C-alpha cells in the first residue's frame, strides 16, 4: 500500500507499513477504484449561491458542523455530498488519530486500507494543477489520498492544528463551523502504535443541514 510523502512534525516522512514508526500522511487506499468520469474537467458544482453545510454526529462525542467550499474544490465537495446523501459514512469510524495533527476517517474497512467508494476523483490542489486557496489551518477538512494525486475517494481528515506544509499537496474543501471541542476530544483519546484509537470512534451519521 503506497502513501504520499508529507512533512510531519517538521520532517519529511515516507509512509511505513503496519507497525512503522513514522507518521504517515492522510492516505486513502483505493485498490480497484475507478476514476470518476469527467473528474478531469474541473466542472463547477451548483451551489445555489450558498455554501453547503453538513452535520457530522459522532457517537458519545457530539456534533461537528462543517461548511464546504465548492468554489475552492467543487469536485471534492460534490463527491463528499454524494456519499453523504447515500448514507455512505453512517457507522464508519475515525480510524487514525494523531495528536497535534489531524483525525482521519471514512474508510469502510476501518483501517485506512479499505476499498474506497468504488471511484476516485481529481486531486484539487496546486501540485496537481488546481488553484485551491484553502490553507490547512486548524478546523480545515481535506481529502486523504495515496501517492497518486488523483486517488482520493472517500477518506477525509480534519485538522486539529495548523499544518500549512500540507498546502498545495492535498485537497482542502471546507472548514469546521462549530464542534472543534469534539475534534479536540477525539484527538486526545489513547491510540495504538499505528495511531488507531483503542476505543472505536464511530460516525453515527453525516447529514446535509
N, C-alpha and C. Protein backbone atom coordinates (compact mmCIF):
# COMPACT_ATOMS: atom_id res chain seq x y z
N UNK A 1 0.85 -1.18 0.00
CA UNK A 1 0.00 0.00 0.00
C UNK A 1 0.89 1.23 0.00
N UNK A 2 0.68 2.10 -0.97
CA UNK A 2 1.54 3.26 -1.13
C UNK A 2 0.86 4.50 -0.60
N UNK A 3 1.62 5.32 0.10
CA UNK A 3 1.11 6.58 0.60
C UNK A 3 1.98 7.71 0.09
N UNK A 4 1.39 8.90 0.04
CA UNK A 4 2.15 10.07 -0.38
C UNK A 4 3.15 10.45 0.68
N UNK A 5 4.14 11.26 0.29
CA UNK A 5 5.07 11.82 1.24
C UNK A 5 4.47 13.07 1.86
N UNK A 6 4.85 13.36 3.08
CA UNK A 6 4.31 14.54 3.75
C UNK A 6 5.31 15.03 4.78
N UNK A 7 5.34 16.35 4.96
CA UNK A 7 6.11 16.91 6.06
C UNK A 7 5.27 16.77 7.32
N UNK A 8 5.74 15.92 8.24
CA UNK A 8 5.03 15.74 9.51
C UNK A 8 6.00 16.02 10.64
N UNK A 9 5.56 16.85 11.58
CA UNK A 9 6.39 17.23 12.72
C UNK A 9 7.73 17.78 12.27
N UNK A 10 7.71 18.50 11.14
CA UNK A 10 8.90 19.21 10.71
C UNK A 10 9.86 18.38 9.89
N UNK A 11 9.55 17.13 9.60
CA UNK A 11 10.48 16.30 8.83
C UNK A 11 9.73 15.58 7.74
N UNK A 12 10.44 15.22 6.69
CA UNK A 12 9.83 14.51 5.58
C UNK A 12 9.82 13.02 5.87
N UNK A 13 8.60 12.42 5.85
CA UNK A 13 8.48 11.00 6.13
C UNK A 13 7.87 10.29 4.94
N UNK A 14 8.42 9.14 4.60
CA UNK A 14 7.72 8.22 3.70
C UNK A 14 6.94 7.26 4.58
N UNK A 15 5.75 6.90 4.13
CA UNK A 15 4.92 6.03 4.93
C UNK A 15 5.57 4.66 5.11
N UNK A 16 5.41 4.12 6.30
CA UNK A 16 5.86 2.77 6.57
C UNK A 16 4.66 1.84 6.53
N UNK A 17 4.90 0.56 6.47
CA UNK A 17 3.82 -0.40 6.54
C UNK A 17 3.31 -0.51 7.96
N UNK A 18 2.44 -1.46 8.19
CA UNK A 18 1.89 -1.65 9.51
C UNK A 18 3.02 -1.82 10.51
N UNK A 19 2.95 -1.06 11.59
CA UNK A 19 3.97 -1.14 12.61
C UNK A 19 5.11 -0.19 12.40
N UNK A 20 5.10 0.59 11.29
CA UNK A 20 6.17 1.55 11.06
C UNK A 20 6.11 2.68 12.05
N UNK A 21 7.24 3.30 12.32
CA UNK A 21 7.27 4.30 13.36
C UNK A 21 6.99 5.70 12.90
N UNK A 22 7.11 6.00 11.61
CA UNK A 22 6.96 7.38 11.15
C UNK A 22 5.50 7.70 10.86
N UNK A 23 5.03 8.87 11.30
CA UNK A 23 3.66 9.26 10.94
C UNK A 23 3.49 9.32 9.44
N UNK A 24 2.35 8.85 8.97
CA UNK A 24 2.06 8.85 7.54
C UNK A 24 1.20 10.06 7.21
N UNK A 25 1.12 10.40 5.94
CA UNK A 25 0.22 11.47 5.52
C UNK A 25 -1.20 10.97 5.56
N UNK A 26 -2.17 11.86 5.40
CA UNK A 26 -3.54 11.39 5.25
C UNK A 26 -3.64 10.55 3.99
N UNK A 27 -3.73 9.24 4.13
CA UNK A 27 -3.69 8.35 2.99
C UNK A 27 -5.02 7.65 2.79
N UNK A 28 -5.34 7.33 1.54
CA UNK A 28 -6.58 6.65 1.20
C UNK A 28 -6.24 5.57 0.20
N UNK A 29 -6.30 4.30 0.64
CA UNK A 29 -6.01 3.19 -0.26
C UNK A 29 -7.28 2.78 -0.95
N UNK A 30 -7.28 2.81 -2.29
CA UNK A 30 -8.48 2.55 -3.06
C UNK A 30 -8.20 1.58 -4.19
N UNK A 31 -7.66 0.42 -3.86
CA UNK A 31 -7.35 -0.57 -4.89
C UNK A 31 -8.61 -0.94 -5.66
N UNK A 32 -8.54 -0.88 -6.98
CA UNK A 32 -9.65 -1.28 -7.82
C UNK A 32 -10.66 -0.19 -8.07
N UNK A 33 -10.48 0.99 -7.48
CA UNK A 33 -11.43 2.07 -7.69
C UNK A 33 -11.26 2.63 -9.09
N UNK A 34 -12.36 3.06 -9.68
CA UNK A 34 -12.33 3.66 -11.00
C UNK A 34 -12.35 5.17 -10.88
N UNK A 35 -11.60 5.85 -11.75
CA UNK A 35 -11.60 7.31 -11.75
C UNK A 35 -12.95 7.81 -12.20
N UNK A 36 -13.46 8.80 -11.49
CA UNK A 36 -14.78 9.34 -11.79
C UNK A 36 -14.80 9.92 -13.19
N UNK A 37 -15.80 9.56 -13.96
CA UNK A 37 -15.94 10.09 -15.31
C UNK A 37 -16.10 11.59 -15.27
N UNK A 38 -15.28 12.28 -16.09
CA UNK A 38 -15.38 13.73 -16.16
C UNK A 38 -14.67 14.46 -15.05
N UNK A 39 -14.01 13.74 -14.13
CA UNK A 39 -13.39 14.41 -12.99
C UNK A 39 -12.26 15.32 -13.42
N UNK A 40 -11.64 15.07 -14.56
CA UNK A 40 -10.53 15.88 -15.00
C UNK A 40 -10.96 17.23 -15.57
N UNK A 41 -12.26 17.45 -15.75
CA UNK A 41 -12.71 18.68 -16.40
C UNK A 41 -12.70 19.87 -15.47
N UNK A 42 -12.80 19.62 -14.16
CA UNK A 42 -12.87 20.73 -13.21
C UNK A 42 -14.20 21.46 -13.26
N UNK A 43 -15.26 20.78 -13.67
CA UNK A 43 -16.58 21.42 -13.76
C UNK A 43 -17.04 21.88 -12.39
N UNK A 44 -17.68 23.03 -12.35
CA UNK A 44 -18.13 23.61 -11.10
C UNK A 44 -19.41 22.95 -10.61
N UNK A 45 -19.59 22.93 -9.28
CA UNK A 45 -20.78 22.38 -8.67
C UNK A 45 -21.81 23.47 -8.47
N UNK A 46 -23.08 23.14 -8.73
CA UNK A 46 -24.15 24.09 -8.47
C UNK A 46 -24.36 24.23 -6.97
N UNK A 47 -24.36 25.44 -6.46
CA UNK A 47 -24.48 25.65 -5.02
C UNK A 47 -25.67 26.51 -4.64
N UNK A 48 -26.36 27.12 -5.60
CA UNK A 48 -27.48 27.97 -5.28
C UNK A 48 -27.08 29.24 -4.56
N UNK A 49 -25.79 29.59 -4.62
CA UNK A 49 -25.34 30.84 -4.04
C UNK A 49 -24.90 30.74 -2.59
N UNK A 50 -25.13 29.61 -1.93
CA UNK A 50 -24.72 29.43 -0.55
C UNK A 50 -23.90 28.17 -0.42
N UNK A 51 -22.88 28.22 0.44
CA UNK A 51 -22.07 27.03 0.64
C UNK A 51 -22.86 25.98 1.43
N UNK A 52 -22.77 24.72 1.04
CA UNK A 52 -23.46 23.67 1.79
C UNK A 52 -22.81 23.44 3.15
N UNK A 53 -23.63 23.05 4.11
CA UNK A 53 -23.17 22.75 5.46
C UNK A 53 -23.63 21.34 5.83
N UNK A 54 -22.73 20.57 6.42
CA UNK A 54 -23.09 19.23 6.88
C UNK A 54 -22.88 19.14 8.39
N UNK A 55 -23.65 18.26 9.01
CA UNK A 55 -23.51 18.00 10.44
C UNK A 55 -23.07 16.55 10.62
N UNK A 56 -21.91 16.38 11.21
CA UNK A 56 -21.33 15.06 11.46
C UNK A 56 -21.57 14.72 12.92
N UNK A 57 -22.35 13.67 13.18
CA UNK A 57 -22.66 13.26 14.55
C UNK A 57 -21.77 12.08 14.94
N UNK A 58 -20.98 12.28 15.98
CA UNK A 58 -20.02 11.26 16.43
C UNK A 58 -20.55 10.65 17.73
N UNK A 59 -20.72 9.34 17.74
CA UNK A 59 -21.26 8.65 18.91
C UNK A 59 -20.44 8.96 20.15
N UNK A 60 -21.12 9.33 21.23
CA UNK A 60 -20.51 9.60 22.54
C UNK A 60 -19.72 10.91 22.60
N UNK A 61 -19.65 11.64 21.48
CA UNK A 61 -18.87 12.88 21.48
C UNK A 61 -19.69 14.10 21.11
N UNK A 62 -20.57 14.00 20.12
CA UNK A 62 -21.36 15.15 19.73
C UNK A 62 -21.27 15.46 18.26
N UNK A 63 -21.64 16.68 17.92
CA UNK A 63 -21.74 17.10 16.53
C UNK A 63 -20.58 18.00 16.10
N UNK A 64 -20.16 17.81 14.85
CA UNK A 64 -19.21 18.71 14.19
C UNK A 64 -19.91 19.28 12.97
N UNK A 65 -20.06 20.59 12.94
CA UNK A 65 -20.73 21.25 11.82
C UNK A 65 -19.67 21.80 10.88
N UNK A 66 -19.77 21.45 9.61
CA UNK A 66 -18.72 21.77 8.64
C UNK A 66 -19.32 22.48 7.43
N UNK A 67 -18.74 23.63 7.09
CA UNK A 67 -19.12 24.34 5.87
C UNK A 67 -18.19 23.91 4.75
N UNK A 68 -18.76 23.45 3.65
CA UNK A 68 -17.98 23.02 2.49
C UNK A 68 -17.78 24.19 1.54
N UNK A 69 -16.72 24.11 0.73
CA UNK A 69 -16.35 25.24 -0.13
C UNK A 69 -16.25 24.78 -1.59
N UNK A 70 -17.38 24.77 -2.30
CA UNK A 70 -17.34 24.33 -3.70
C UNK A 70 -16.60 25.27 -4.63
N UNK A 71 -16.39 26.52 -4.22
CA UNK A 71 -15.61 27.42 -5.08
C UNK A 71 -14.15 26.99 -5.12
N UNK A 72 -13.63 26.47 -4.01
CA UNK A 72 -12.23 26.05 -3.93
C UNK A 72 -12.03 24.63 -4.46
N UNK A 73 -13.00 23.75 -4.19
CA UNK A 73 -12.82 22.33 -4.52
C UNK A 73 -14.16 21.71 -4.91
N UNK A 74 -14.69 22.07 -6.08
CA UNK A 74 -16.03 21.61 -6.46
C UNK A 74 -16.15 20.10 -6.61
N UNK A 75 -15.10 19.45 -7.11
CA UNK A 75 -15.16 18.00 -7.32
C UNK A 75 -15.19 17.28 -5.97
N UNK A 76 -14.32 17.71 -5.06
CA UNK A 76 -14.28 17.10 -3.72
C UNK A 76 -15.60 17.30 -2.99
N UNK A 77 -16.16 18.51 -3.08
CA UNK A 77 -17.42 18.80 -2.40
C UNK A 77 -18.54 17.95 -2.99
N UNK A 78 -18.63 17.90 -4.31
CA UNK A 78 -19.69 17.11 -4.94
C UNK A 78 -19.57 15.63 -4.57
N UNK A 79 -18.34 15.10 -4.59
CA UNK A 79 -18.11 13.71 -4.22
C UNK A 79 -18.53 13.45 -2.77
N UNK A 80 -18.13 14.34 -1.87
CA UNK A 80 -18.44 14.18 -0.45
C UNK A 80 -19.95 14.23 -0.22
N UNK A 81 -20.62 15.21 -0.84
CA UNK A 81 -22.06 15.35 -0.66
C UNK A 81 -22.82 14.16 -1.24
N UNK A 82 -22.33 13.60 -2.34
CA UNK A 82 -22.96 12.42 -2.92
C UNK A 82 -22.89 11.25 -1.94
N UNK A 83 -21.73 11.05 -1.34
CA UNK A 83 -21.56 9.98 -0.36
C UNK A 83 -22.41 10.23 0.88
N UNK A 84 -22.47 11.47 1.32
CA UNK A 84 -23.32 11.81 2.47
C UNK A 84 -24.78 11.50 2.16
N UNK A 85 -25.23 11.89 0.97
CA UNK A 85 -26.63 11.66 0.58
C UNK A 85 -26.95 10.17 0.51
N UNK A 86 -25.96 9.36 0.19
CA UNK A 86 -26.15 7.91 0.12
C UNK A 86 -26.10 7.25 1.50
N UNK A 87 -25.72 8.01 2.54
CA UNK A 87 -25.54 7.43 3.87
C UNK A 87 -24.27 6.60 3.97
N UNK A 88 -23.34 6.84 3.05
CA UNK A 88 -22.11 6.05 2.97
C UNK A 88 -21.33 6.05 4.29
N UNK A 89 -21.27 7.19 4.94
CA UNK A 89 -20.41 7.34 6.12
C UNK A 89 -21.06 6.85 7.42
N UNK A 90 -22.35 6.61 7.39
CA UNK A 90 -23.06 6.24 8.61
C UNK A 90 -22.52 4.92 9.17
N UNK A 91 -22.03 4.96 10.39
CA UNK A 91 -21.49 3.77 11.04
C UNK A 91 -20.01 3.54 10.83
N UNK A 92 -19.37 4.35 9.98
CA UNK A 92 -17.92 4.23 9.81
C UNK A 92 -17.20 4.91 10.98
N UNK A 93 -15.89 4.93 10.95
CA UNK A 93 -15.13 5.40 12.10
C UNK A 93 -14.04 6.40 11.72
N UNK A 94 -13.51 7.06 12.75
CA UNK A 94 -12.22 7.75 12.65
C UNK A 94 -11.18 6.71 13.05
N UNK A 95 -10.48 6.19 12.04
CA UNK A 95 -9.57 5.07 12.27
C UNK A 95 -8.14 5.50 12.58
N UNK A 96 -7.84 6.76 12.39
CA UNK A 96 -6.45 7.24 12.54
C UNK A 96 -6.45 8.60 13.22
N UNK A 97 -5.78 8.68 14.36
CA UNK A 97 -5.76 9.90 15.15
C UNK A 97 -4.33 10.22 15.54
N UNK A 98 -3.86 11.41 15.17
CA UNK A 98 -2.52 11.84 15.53
C UNK A 98 -2.63 13.16 16.29
N UNK A 99 -2.39 13.16 17.60
CA UNK A 99 -2.47 14.41 18.37
C UNK A 99 -1.53 15.46 17.79
N UNK A 100 -1.98 16.69 17.78
CA UNK A 100 -1.18 17.76 17.23
C UNK A 100 -1.15 17.79 15.72
N UNK A 101 -2.01 17.00 15.08
CA UNK A 101 -2.02 16.93 13.63
C UNK A 101 -3.45 16.89 13.10
N UNK A 102 -4.09 15.69 13.10
CA UNK A 102 -5.40 15.56 12.48
C UNK A 102 -6.08 14.27 12.93
N UNK A 103 -7.39 14.18 12.62
CA UNK A 103 -8.14 12.95 12.79
C UNK A 103 -8.65 12.54 11.41
N UNK A 104 -8.57 11.24 11.10
CA UNK A 104 -8.89 10.76 9.75
C UNK A 104 -9.93 9.67 9.83
N UNK A 105 -10.92 9.71 8.91
CA UNK A 105 -11.97 8.71 8.90
C UNK A 105 -12.54 8.50 7.52
N UNK A 106 -13.63 7.70 7.49
CA UNK A 106 -14.36 7.49 6.25
C UNK A 106 -13.96 6.27 5.45
N UNK A 107 -13.18 5.35 6.06
CA UNK A 107 -12.78 4.13 5.36
C UNK A 107 -13.77 3.01 5.70
N UNK A 108 -14.43 2.39 4.71
CA UNK A 108 -15.38 1.32 5.01
C UNK A 108 -14.76 0.15 5.78
N UNK A 109 -13.46 -0.09 5.59
CA UNK A 109 -12.80 -1.19 6.29
C UNK A 109 -12.38 -0.81 7.70
N UNK A 110 -12.35 0.48 7.99
CA UNK A 110 -11.95 0.94 9.32
C UNK A 110 -10.48 0.84 9.60
N UNK A 111 -9.67 0.69 8.55
CA UNK A 111 -8.23 0.51 8.73
C UNK A 111 -7.39 1.54 7.98
N UNK A 112 -8.00 2.24 7.03
CA UNK A 112 -7.26 3.11 6.14
C UNK A 112 -6.83 2.43 4.86
N UNK A 113 -7.04 1.11 4.78
CA UNK A 113 -6.63 0.33 3.61
C UNK A 113 -7.82 -0.28 2.90
N UNK A 114 -8.99 0.30 3.09
CA UNK A 114 -10.20 -0.26 2.53
C UNK A 114 -10.34 -0.02 1.04
N UNK A 115 -11.45 -0.49 0.47
CA UNK A 115 -11.66 -0.41 -0.98
C UNK A 115 -12.13 0.95 -1.47
N UNK A 116 -12.35 1.89 -0.59
CA UNK A 116 -12.85 3.19 -1.01
C UNK A 116 -14.32 3.12 -1.37
N UNK A 117 -14.77 4.08 -2.15
CA UNK A 117 -16.19 4.16 -2.52
C UNK A 117 -16.48 3.52 -3.87
N UNK A 118 -15.43 3.07 -4.55
CA UNK A 118 -15.58 2.50 -5.87
C UNK A 118 -15.16 3.43 -6.99
N UNK A 119 -14.84 4.68 -6.64
CA UNK A 119 -14.33 5.61 -7.65
C UNK A 119 -13.35 6.57 -6.99
N UNK A 120 -12.50 7.17 -7.80
CA UNK A 120 -11.57 8.17 -7.31
C UNK A 120 -11.82 9.48 -8.05
N UNK A 121 -11.29 10.57 -7.49
CA UNK A 121 -11.54 11.89 -8.06
C UNK A 121 -10.23 12.65 -8.25
N UNK A 122 -10.30 13.69 -9.05
CA UNK A 122 -9.14 14.55 -9.29
C UNK A 122 -8.73 15.24 -8.00
N UNK A 123 -7.42 15.29 -7.76
CA UNK A 123 -6.90 16.00 -6.60
C UNK A 123 -6.87 17.49 -6.85
N UNK A 124 -7.65 18.25 -6.10
CA UNK A 124 -7.79 19.69 -6.32
C UNK A 124 -6.81 20.47 -5.45
N UNK A 125 -5.54 20.46 -5.85
CA UNK A 125 -4.51 21.18 -5.12
C UNK A 125 -3.43 21.62 -6.09
N UNK A 126 -2.61 22.55 -5.65
CA UNK A 126 -1.67 23.24 -6.54
C UNK A 126 -0.72 22.29 -7.24
N UNK A 127 -0.17 21.32 -6.52
CA UNK A 127 0.80 20.41 -7.14
C UNK A 127 0.15 19.56 -8.23
N UNK A 128 -1.17 19.52 -8.27
CA UNK A 128 -1.88 18.78 -9.31
C UNK A 128 -2.53 19.73 -10.32
N UNK A 129 -2.06 21.00 -10.34
CA UNK A 129 -2.53 21.95 -11.32
C UNK A 129 -3.85 22.61 -11.00
N UNK A 130 -4.24 22.61 -9.72
CA UNK A 130 -5.53 23.19 -9.33
C UNK A 130 -5.28 24.33 -8.34
N UNK A 131 -5.87 25.47 -8.59
CA UNK A 131 -5.70 26.63 -7.72
C UNK A 131 -6.69 26.56 -6.56
N UNK A 132 -6.26 25.94 -5.48
CA UNK A 132 -7.08 25.82 -4.26
C UNK A 132 -6.50 26.73 -3.19
N UNK A 133 -7.22 27.77 -2.78
CA UNK A 133 -6.64 28.76 -1.87
C UNK A 133 -6.72 28.40 -0.39
N UNK A 134 -7.37 27.29 -0.04
CA UNK A 134 -7.57 26.97 1.38
C UNK A 134 -6.27 26.46 1.99
N UNK A 135 -5.87 27.07 3.10
CA UNK A 135 -4.68 26.63 3.83
C UNK A 135 -5.08 25.64 4.92
N UNK A 136 -4.21 24.68 5.19
CA UNK A 136 -4.52 23.66 6.18
C UNK A 136 -4.30 24.18 7.60
N UNK A 137 -5.25 25.01 7.99
CA UNK A 137 -5.30 25.53 9.35
C UNK A 137 -6.17 24.62 10.20
N UNK A 138 -6.12 24.84 11.49
CA UNK A 138 -6.97 24.11 12.43
C UNK A 138 -8.44 24.21 11.99
N UNK A 139 -9.11 23.06 11.93
CA UNK A 139 -10.52 23.02 11.57
C UNK A 139 -10.80 22.77 10.11
N UNK A 140 -9.77 22.78 9.26
CA UNK A 140 -9.97 22.54 7.82
C UNK A 140 -10.15 21.05 7.57
N UNK A 141 -11.04 20.71 6.65
CA UNK A 141 -11.25 19.33 6.24
C UNK A 141 -10.64 19.12 4.85
N UNK A 142 -9.97 17.98 4.67
CA UNK A 142 -9.33 17.67 3.39
C UNK A 142 -9.56 16.22 3.00
N UNK A 143 -9.29 15.92 1.74
CA UNK A 143 -9.41 14.56 1.23
C UNK A 143 -8.08 13.83 1.39
N UNK A 144 -8.14 12.61 1.94
CA UNK A 144 -6.95 11.76 2.02
C UNK A 144 -6.71 11.11 0.66
N UNK A 145 -5.45 10.74 0.41
CA UNK A 145 -5.09 10.12 -0.86
C UNK A 145 -3.84 9.27 -0.69
N UNK A 146 -3.52 8.48 -1.71
CA UNK A 146 -2.24 7.78 -1.76
C UNK A 146 -1.23 8.69 -2.45
N UNK A 147 -0.12 8.13 -2.91
CA UNK A 147 0.86 8.96 -3.62
C UNK A 147 0.41 9.31 -5.03
N UNK A 148 -0.68 8.71 -5.48
CA UNK A 148 -1.32 9.10 -6.74
C UNK A 148 -2.17 10.35 -6.47
N UNK A 149 -1.87 11.44 -7.16
CA UNK A 149 -2.56 12.70 -6.91
C UNK A 149 -4.07 12.59 -7.11
N UNK A 150 -4.50 11.68 -7.98
CA UNK A 150 -5.92 11.55 -8.30
C UNK A 150 -6.54 10.29 -7.69
N UNK A 151 -6.13 9.96 -6.48
CA UNK A 151 -6.57 8.72 -5.83
C UNK A 151 -7.57 8.93 -4.70
N UNK A 152 -7.92 10.18 -4.36
CA UNK A 152 -8.88 10.41 -3.28
C UNK A 152 -10.21 9.76 -3.63
N UNK A 153 -10.87 9.22 -2.60
CA UNK A 153 -12.13 8.53 -2.84
C UNK A 153 -13.17 8.92 -1.78
N UNK A 154 -12.98 8.45 -0.56
CA UNK A 154 -13.97 8.69 0.50
C UNK A 154 -13.35 9.10 1.83
N UNK A 155 -12.07 8.78 2.04
CA UNK A 155 -11.45 9.12 3.32
C UNK A 155 -11.16 10.62 3.40
N UNK A 156 -11.39 11.17 4.57
CA UNK A 156 -11.18 12.59 4.80
C UNK A 156 -10.46 12.78 6.13
N UNK A 157 -9.92 13.97 6.35
CA UNK A 157 -9.28 14.27 7.62
C UNK A 157 -9.62 15.69 8.05
N UNK A 158 -9.66 15.90 9.35
CA UNK A 158 -9.95 17.22 9.93
C UNK A 158 -8.74 17.64 10.75
N UNK A 159 -8.23 18.83 10.46
CA UNK A 159 -7.03 19.31 11.14
C UNK A 159 -7.35 19.73 12.58
N UNK A 160 -6.53 19.27 13.51
CA UNK A 160 -6.65 19.73 14.90
C UNK A 160 -5.63 20.82 15.21
N UNK A 161 -4.65 21.01 14.34
CA UNK A 161 -3.64 22.06 14.48
C UNK A 161 -3.36 22.64 13.09
N UNK A 162 -2.77 23.82 13.06
CA UNK A 162 -2.32 24.41 11.79
C UNK A 162 -1.14 23.59 11.25
N UNK A 163 -1.22 23.19 10.01
CA UNK A 163 -0.13 22.47 9.34
C UNK A 163 -0.04 22.94 7.90
N UNK A 164 0.42 24.16 7.71
CA UNK A 164 0.43 24.76 6.37
C UNK A 164 1.36 24.05 5.40
N UNK A 165 2.25 23.19 5.91
CA UNK A 165 3.12 22.46 4.99
C UNK A 165 2.34 21.48 4.11
N UNK A 166 1.08 21.22 4.45
CA UNK A 166 0.23 20.39 3.59
C UNK A 166 -0.36 21.17 2.43
N UNK A 167 -0.27 22.50 2.49
CA UNK A 167 -0.87 23.34 1.44
C UNK A 167 -0.31 22.95 0.07
N UNK A 168 -1.20 22.84 -0.89
CA UNK A 168 -0.79 22.52 -2.25
C UNK A 168 -0.60 21.05 -2.51
N UNK A 169 -0.71 20.20 -1.46
CA UNK A 169 -0.46 18.77 -1.61
C UNK A 169 -1.71 17.91 -1.44
N UNK A 170 -2.72 18.47 -0.79
CA UNK A 170 -3.97 17.77 -0.54
C UNK A 170 -5.14 18.70 -0.84
N UNK A 171 -6.29 18.12 -1.14
CA UNK A 171 -7.47 18.90 -1.49
C UNK A 171 -8.24 19.29 -0.23
N UNK A 172 -8.07 20.53 0.21
CA UNK A 172 -8.90 21.08 1.28
C UNK A 172 -10.24 21.49 0.67
N UNK A 173 -11.34 21.20 1.38
CA UNK A 173 -12.64 21.50 0.77
C UNK A 173 -13.67 22.06 1.75
N UNK A 174 -13.23 22.53 2.90
CA UNK A 174 -14.16 23.14 3.84
C UNK A 174 -13.51 23.37 5.19
N UNK A 175 -14.34 23.83 6.15
CA UNK A 175 -13.81 24.09 7.49
C UNK A 175 -14.92 23.92 8.53
N UNK A 176 -14.52 23.63 9.74
CA UNK A 176 -15.45 23.43 10.85
C UNK A 176 -16.04 24.78 11.27
N UNK A 177 -17.37 24.82 11.35
CA UNK A 177 -18.07 26.00 11.87
C UNK A 177 -18.26 25.92 13.37
N UNK A 178 -18.58 24.73 13.86
CA UNK A 178 -18.75 24.51 15.29
C UNK A 178 -18.45 23.06 15.60
N UNK A 179 -18.03 22.80 16.83
CA UNK A 179 -17.72 21.44 17.23
C UNK A 179 -16.24 21.13 17.27
N UNK A 180 -15.38 22.16 17.27
CA UNK A 180 -13.95 21.88 17.38
C UNK A 180 -13.61 21.24 18.72
N UNK A 181 -14.45 21.47 19.72
CA UNK A 181 -14.22 20.80 21.01
C UNK A 181 -14.37 19.29 20.86
N UNK A 182 -15.23 18.86 19.93
CA UNK A 182 -15.38 17.43 19.65
C UNK A 182 -14.13 16.90 18.97
N UNK A 183 -13.62 17.65 18.00
CA UNK A 183 -12.36 17.27 17.33
C UNK A 183 -11.24 17.16 18.35
N UNK A 184 -11.16 18.13 19.26
CA UNK A 184 -10.09 18.12 20.26
C UNK A 184 -10.22 16.92 21.21
N UNK A 185 -11.47 16.59 21.57
CA UNK A 185 -11.68 15.46 22.48
C UNK A 185 -11.28 14.16 21.80
N UNK A 186 -11.64 14.02 20.53
CA UNK A 186 -11.24 12.82 19.78
C UNK A 186 -9.73 12.77 19.63
N UNK A 187 -9.11 13.92 19.39
CA UNK A 187 -7.66 13.97 19.20
C UNK A 187 -6.89 13.51 20.43
N UNK A 188 -7.52 13.58 21.59
CA UNK A 188 -6.83 13.30 22.85
C UNK A 188 -7.00 11.86 23.32
N UNK A 189 -7.77 11.04 22.60
CA UNK A 189 -8.02 9.69 23.11
C UNK A 189 -6.81 8.79 22.86
N UNK A 190 -6.62 7.77 23.69
CA UNK A 190 -5.47 6.87 23.53
C UNK A 190 -5.53 6.09 22.21
N UNK A 191 -4.35 5.89 21.62
CA UNK A 191 -4.24 5.14 20.36
C UNK A 191 -3.14 4.09 20.47
N UNK A 192 -3.14 3.15 19.52
CA UNK A 192 -2.09 2.14 19.49
C UNK A 192 -0.91 2.68 18.67
N UNK A 193 0.16 1.90 18.50
CA UNK A 193 1.34 2.39 17.76
C UNK A 193 1.06 2.75 16.30
N UNK A 194 -0.06 2.29 15.75
CA UNK A 194 -0.42 2.63 14.37
C UNK A 194 -1.43 3.77 14.31
N UNK A 195 -1.58 4.50 15.41
CA UNK A 195 -2.45 5.67 15.50
C UNK A 195 -3.93 5.31 15.47
N UNK A 196 -4.27 4.06 15.66
CA UNK A 196 -5.67 3.65 15.69
C UNK A 196 -6.20 3.79 17.12
N UNK A 197 -7.37 4.40 17.31
CA UNK A 197 -7.89 4.58 18.67
C UNK A 197 -8.17 3.24 19.35
N UNK A 198 -7.88 3.18 20.63
CA UNK A 198 -8.11 1.94 21.39
C UNK A 198 -9.60 1.62 21.50
N UNK A 199 -10.43 2.66 21.51
CA UNK A 199 -11.88 2.51 21.51
C UNK A 199 -12.41 3.12 20.22
N UNK A 200 -13.21 2.41 19.44
CA UNK A 200 -13.70 2.94 18.17
C UNK A 200 -14.42 4.29 18.32
N UNK A 201 -14.12 5.18 17.39
CA UNK A 201 -14.80 6.48 17.33
C UNK A 201 -15.74 6.43 16.12
N UNK A 202 -17.02 6.28 16.39
CA UNK A 202 -18.00 5.95 15.35
C UNK A 202 -18.73 7.20 14.84
N UNK A 203 -18.77 7.32 13.53
CA UNK A 203 -19.57 8.36 12.88
C UNK A 203 -21.00 7.83 12.78
N UNK A 204 -21.88 8.32 13.65
CA UNK A 204 -23.27 7.86 13.59
C UNK A 204 -23.92 8.26 12.27
N UNK A 205 -23.68 9.49 11.87
CA UNK A 205 -24.26 9.97 10.61
C UNK A 205 -23.58 11.26 10.19
N UNK A 206 -23.70 11.56 8.89
CA UNK A 206 -23.38 12.88 8.35
C UNK A 206 -24.60 13.30 7.54
N UNK A 207 -25.13 14.45 7.84
CA UNK A 207 -26.33 14.94 7.19
C UNK A 207 -26.13 16.34 6.66
N UNK A 208 -26.77 16.63 5.52
CA UNK A 208 -26.75 17.99 4.98
C UNK A 208 -27.72 18.83 5.77
N UNK A 209 -27.25 19.98 6.22
CA UNK A 209 -28.08 20.84 7.08
C UNK A 209 -29.07 21.65 6.25
